[in-house]
Amino acid sequence: MSRFLVKPVKAHKAAVCYHNPTMKNLAVFCSGFGSNLQAIIRATQRGKIKARIGLVFSDKIDAYALVRAKRAHIPIAYADPARFKNRVDYDKHILGVLQKKKIDFVVLAGFMRILTPYFVRRFKNRILNIHPALLPLFKGVEGIKDALRYGVKVTGVTVHFVNEELDAGPVILQAAIAVKEDDTFDSLAKRIHRLEHRLYPEAIRLLVQGKLVISGRKVFIRKRK
């Protein structure tokens, strides 16, 4: 198998925005199940997000997110990190594919690799991530577990721009939920994920409509464009 696989497919008939050349192109990066990807696909098909998903990329060939993309007739790409000399070479290869696909924005949806500064600089203020905690609390991959371990009474979800520091980019949207006394990881994660599926499409909608303005660490939402 080649170190990089790109599979073109036909556009989704139900997603009118896929046929509009003026629409922005999104690339969604996933490493696993892809439930947030599914929420984004649904939002584009319903016209809530006025953009096309031009590519779903994964660093895991068995990621179920790729199955979701195929079912929605969205082009997919996979690259095996082990076949590249270093992280920068890996990211350069991805950037080449994004350029060919004319991608405007990158949306991280359960992507378990940290992008290099090289990548981030080339998509500055055009990369979004969703985190299962109220940043700056509980950074990293175990945000839900960390909230339970710490014993907080409130946690939530953060959508933010990606910068060169882990989980530290300017915050776009946040939403909070109460942590119940009898919560387990599974019960809390279930409510967190439902919240993610509502919040992430809304943040992407604001992004593609040009309504997000960054000033220092703050992100302002334009009332009108």
Protein backbone atom coordinates (compact mmCIF):
# COMPACT_ATOMS: atom_id res chain seq x y z
CA MET A 1 0.00 0.00 0.00
CA SER A 2 1.24 3.48 -0.83
CA ARG A 3 2.04 5.79 2.02
CA PHE A 4 -0.75 8.13 0.97
CA LEU A 5 -4.16 7.15 -0.29
CA VAL A 6 -6.63 9.57 -1.82
CA LYS A 7 -9.98 8.22 -2.94
CA PRO A 8 -12.16 10.56 -5.01
CA VAL A 9 -15.89 9.93 -4.97
CA LYS A 10 -19.00 11.51 -6.43
CA ALA A 11 -20.72 14.38 -4.67
CA HIS A 12 -23.62 13.69 -2.33
CA LYS A 13 -26.88 14.23 -4.20
CA ALA A 14 -28.68 15.45 -1.08
CA ALA A 15 -26.09 18.10 -0.27
CA VAL A 16 -26.88 21.00 -2.58
CA CYS A 17 -23.87 22.97 -1.38
CA TYR A 18 -21.53 20.42 -2.95
CA HIS A 19 -22.47 21.75 -6.39
CA ASN A 20 -21.94 25.44 -5.62
CA PRO A 21 -18.44 26.58 -6.69
CA THR A 22 -18.62 29.64 -4.42
CA MET A 23 -18.85 27.52 -1.27
CA LYS A 24 -15.87 27.21 1.06
CA ASN A 25 -14.10 23.86 1.19
CA LEU A 26 -13.66 22.10 4.53
CA ALA A 27 -11.25 19.30 5.34
CA VAL A 28 -12.28 17.31 8.41
CA PHE A 29 -9.47 15.42 10.18
CA CYS A 30 -10.46 12.35 12.21
CA SER A 31 -8.70 9.44 13.91
CA GLY A 32 -11.61 7.39 15.19
CA PHE A 33 -15.36 6.95 15.33
CA GLY A 34 -16.29 10.25 13.72
CA SER A 35 -19.46 11.20 15.56
CA ASN A 36 -18.61 14.90 15.28
CA LEU A 37 -17.93 14.36 11.58
CA GLN A 38 -21.43 12.92 11.26
CA ALA A 39 -22.90 16.01 12.92
CA ILE A 40 -20.96 18.23 10.50
CA ILE A 41 -22.09 16.18 7.49
CA ARG A 42 -25.69 16.47 8.65
CA ALA A 43 -25.35 20.24 9.08
CA THR A 44 -23.95 20.69 5.57
CA GLN A 45 -26.65 18.51 4.04
CA ARG A 46 -29.36 20.53 5.77
CA GLY A 47 -27.81 23.81 4.71
CA LYS A 48 -26.96 24.99 8.21
CA ILE A 49 -23.28 25.08 7.26
CA LYS A 50 -23.05 26.69 3.85
CA ALA A 51 -19.86 24.93 2.83
CA ARG A 52 -18.81 21.65 1.26
CA ILE A 53 -16.74 18.96 2.94
CA GLY A 54 -14.07 18.60 0.30
CA LEU A 55 -12.07 15.96 2.16
CA VAL A 56 -12.09 13.70 5.20
CA PHE A 57 -8.54 12.86 6.25
CA SER A 58 -7.37 10.25 8.74
CA ASP A 59 -4.09 8.98 10.14
CA LYS A 60 -5.82 5.64 10.88
CA ILE A 61 -6.83 3.47 7.96
CA ASP A 62 -9.44 1.67 10.08
CA ALA A 63 -11.05 4.86 11.41
CA TYR A 64 -14.82 4.53 11.22
CA ALA A 65 -14.93 8.19 10.21
CA LEU A 66 -13.71 7.10 6.76
CA VAL A 67 -16.72 4.79 6.48
CA ARG A 68 -19.02 7.68 7.34
CA ALA A 69 -17.37 9.81 4.67
CA LYS A 70 -17.73 7.11 2.01
CA ARG A 71 -21.41 6.71 2.83
CA ALA A 72 -21.88 10.46 2.37
CA HIS A 73 -19.91 10.36 -0.93
CA ILE A 74 -17.17 12.60 0.44
CA PRO A 75 -13.56 12.18 -0.81
CA ILE A 76 -11.24 10.56 1.72
CA ALA A 77 -7.49 10.52 2.27
CA TYR A 78 -5.30 8.43 4.54
CA ALA A 79 -1.61 8.73 5.33
CA ASP A 80 0.37 6.32 7.49
CA PRO A 81 2.59 8.39 9.84
CA ALA A 82 5.05 5.50 10.18
CA ARG A 83 6.02 5.83 6.52
CA PHE A 84 7.31 9.37 6.89
CA LYS A 85 10.69 10.47 8.18
CA ASN A 86 9.34 12.95 10.70
CA ARG A 87 6.25 14.92 11.68
CA VAL A 88 7.07 17.87 9.45
CA ASP A 89 7.40 15.65 6.37
CA TYR A 90 4.08 14.09 7.24
CA ASP A 91 2.38 17.46 7.55
CA LYS A 92 3.96 18.72 4.34
CA HIS A 93 2.46 15.76 2.51
CA ILE A 94 -0.97 16.51 3.94
CA LEU A 95 -0.64 20.17 3.01
CA GLY A 96 0.05 19.14 -0.57
CA VAL A 97 -3.22 17.23 -0.70
CA LEU A 98 -5.13 20.11 0.87
CA GLN A 99 -3.72 22.44 -1.74
CA LYS A 100 -4.84 20.15 -4.56
CA LYS A 101 -8.31 19.96 -3.03
CA LYS A 102 -8.38 23.76 -2.62
CA ILE A 103 -9.22 23.48 1.07
CA ASP A 104 -10.10 26.72 2.84
CA PHE A 105 -10.51 25.51 6.44
CA VAL A 106 -9.37 22.51 8.50
CA VAL A 107 -11.71 21.09 11.14
CA LEU A 108 -10.23 18.70 13.71
CA ALA A 109 -12.83 16.20 14.88
CA GLY A 110 -11.21 13.63 17.12
CA PHE A 111 -7.86 13.89 15.36
CA MET A 112 -5.31 12.43 17.76
CA ARG A 113 -2.14 13.87 16.28
CA ILE A 114 -0.69 17.26 17.21
CA LEU A 115 -0.16 19.39 14.13
CA THR A 116 3.32 20.83 13.72
CA PRO A 117 3.94 24.60 13.87
CA TYR A 118 4.82 24.30 10.16
CA PHE A 119 1.26 23.19 9.40
CA VAL A 120 -0.41 25.62 11.79
CA ARG A 121 1.42 28.62 10.33
CA ARG A 122 0.21 27.77 6.83
CA PHE A 123 -3.40 27.57 7.98
CA LYS A 124 -3.20 30.31 10.58
CA ASN A 125 -6.64 31.17 11.98
CA ARG A 126 -8.18 28.59 9.66
CA ILE A 127 -8.01 25.49 11.88
CA LEU A 128 -10.73 24.64 14.40
CA ASN A 129 -10.69 22.10 17.21
CA ILE A 130 -13.25 20.90 19.72
CA HIS A 131 -12.24 19.95 23.24
CA PRO A 132 -14.36 18.08 25.84
CA ALA A 133 -13.70 20.50 28.72
CA LEU A 134 -13.90 24.18 29.51
CA LEU A 135 -10.48 25.39 28.43
CA PRO A 136 -8.04 26.38 29.78
CA LEU A 137 -8.96 23.65 32.29
CA PHE A 138 -8.13 20.01 31.57
CA LYS A 139 -6.08 20.24 28.41
CA GLY A 140 -4.96 17.11 26.59
CA VAL A 141 -6.62 13.87 25.58
CA GLU A 142 -8.34 13.03 28.88
CA GLY A 143 -10.46 16.12 29.46
CA ILE A 144 -13.53 14.15 30.58
CA LYS A 145 -11.59 11.84 32.89
CA ASP A 146 -9.65 14.75 34.34
CA ALA A 147 -12.86 16.63 35.16
CA LEU A 148 -14.20 13.59 37.01
CA ARG A 149 -10.92 13.01 38.85
CA TYR A 150 -10.73 16.64 39.96
CA GLY A 151 -14.27 16.63 41.21
CA VAL A 152 -15.52 19.74 39.43
CA LYS A 153 -19.24 20.48 39.56
CA VAL A 154 -19.37 21.94 36.05
CA THR A 155 -17.57 20.98 32.87
CA GLY A 156 -18.37 21.36 29.20
CA VAL A 157 -17.14 21.82 25.66
CA THR A 158 -14.85 24.36 23.98
CA VAL A 159 -14.46 25.14 20.29
CA HIS A 160 -11.27 27.08 19.61
CA PHE A 161 -8.86 28.13 16.92
CA VAL A 162 -5.71 26.03 16.79
CA ASN A 163 -2.37 27.70 17.41
CA GLU A 164 1.11 26.30 17.99
CA GLU A 165 0.43 25.46 21.64
CA LEU A 166 -1.70 22.47 22.69
CA ASP A 167 -5.36 23.40 23.37
CA ALA A 168 -4.43 27.06 23.74
CA GLY A 169 -5.90 28.88 20.75
CA PRO A 170 -8.51 31.65 21.06
CA VAL A 171 -11.89 30.38 22.25
CA ILE A 172 -14.79 30.64 19.80
CA LEU A 173 -17.69 29.03 21.68
CA GLN A 174 -18.13 27.27 25.01
CA ALA A 175 -21.05 25.49 26.63
CA ALA A 176 -21.27 24.09 30.15
CA ILE A 177 -23.07 21.16 31.76
CA ALA A 178 -23.35 20.07 35.37
CA VAL A 179 -21.40 17.05 36.57
CA LYS A 180 -23.77 14.76 38.47
CA GLU A 181 -22.76 13.09 41.71
CA ASP A 182 -23.28 9.63 40.21
CA ASP A 183 -21.65 10.37 36.85
CA THR A 184 -19.33 7.78 35.37
CA PHE A 185 -17.01 8.40 32.47
CA ASP A 186 -19.57 6.89 30.09
CA SER A 187 -22.54 8.89 31.36
CA LEU A 188 -20.65 12.17 31.34
CA ALA A 189 -19.07 11.46 27.96
CA LYS A 190 -22.49 10.78 26.46
CA ARG A 191 -23.78 14.22 27.51
CA ILE A 192 -20.52 15.89 26.46
CA HIS A 193 -20.77 14.38 22.99
CA ARG A 194 -24.37 15.49 22.54
CA LEU A 195 -23.24 18.99 23.42
CA GLU A 196 -20.34 18.77 20.96
CA HIS A 197 -22.68 17.77 18.15
CA ARG A 198 -24.67 20.98 18.64
CA LEU A 199 -21.81 23.37 19.33
CA TYR A 200 -19.32 22.38 16.63
CA PRO A 201 -21.59 22.86 13.59
CA GLU A 202 -22.57 26.27 14.96
CA ALA A 203 -18.92 27.35 15.28
CA ILE A 204 -18.17 26.11 11.77
CA ARG A 205 -21.19 27.99 10.45
CA LEU A 206 -19.87 31.22 11.94
CA LEU A 207 -16.40 30.55 10.55
CA VAL A 208 -17.43 29.95 6.93
CA GLN A 209 -19.73 32.97 7.00
CA GLY A 210 -16.82 35.19 8.01
CA LYS A 211 -18.40 36.19 11.31
CA LEU A 212 -15.44 35.42 13.58
CA VAL A 213 -12.99 38.21 14.37
CA ILE A 214 -9.84 37.50 16.41
CA SER A 215 -8.40 40.26 18.58
CA GLY A 216 -5.56 39.03 20.74
CA ARG A 217 -6.92 36.13 22.75
CA LYS A 218 -10.54 37.10 22.18
CA VAL A 219 -12.86 36.01 19.39
CA PHE A 220 -15.76 38.33 18.58
CA ILE A 221 -18.83 37.31 16.62
CA ARG A 222 -19.97 39.84 14.04
CA LYS A 223 -23.68 40.55 14.13
CA ARG A 224 -23.60 41.37 10.45
CA LYS A 225 -21.01 40.76 7.77
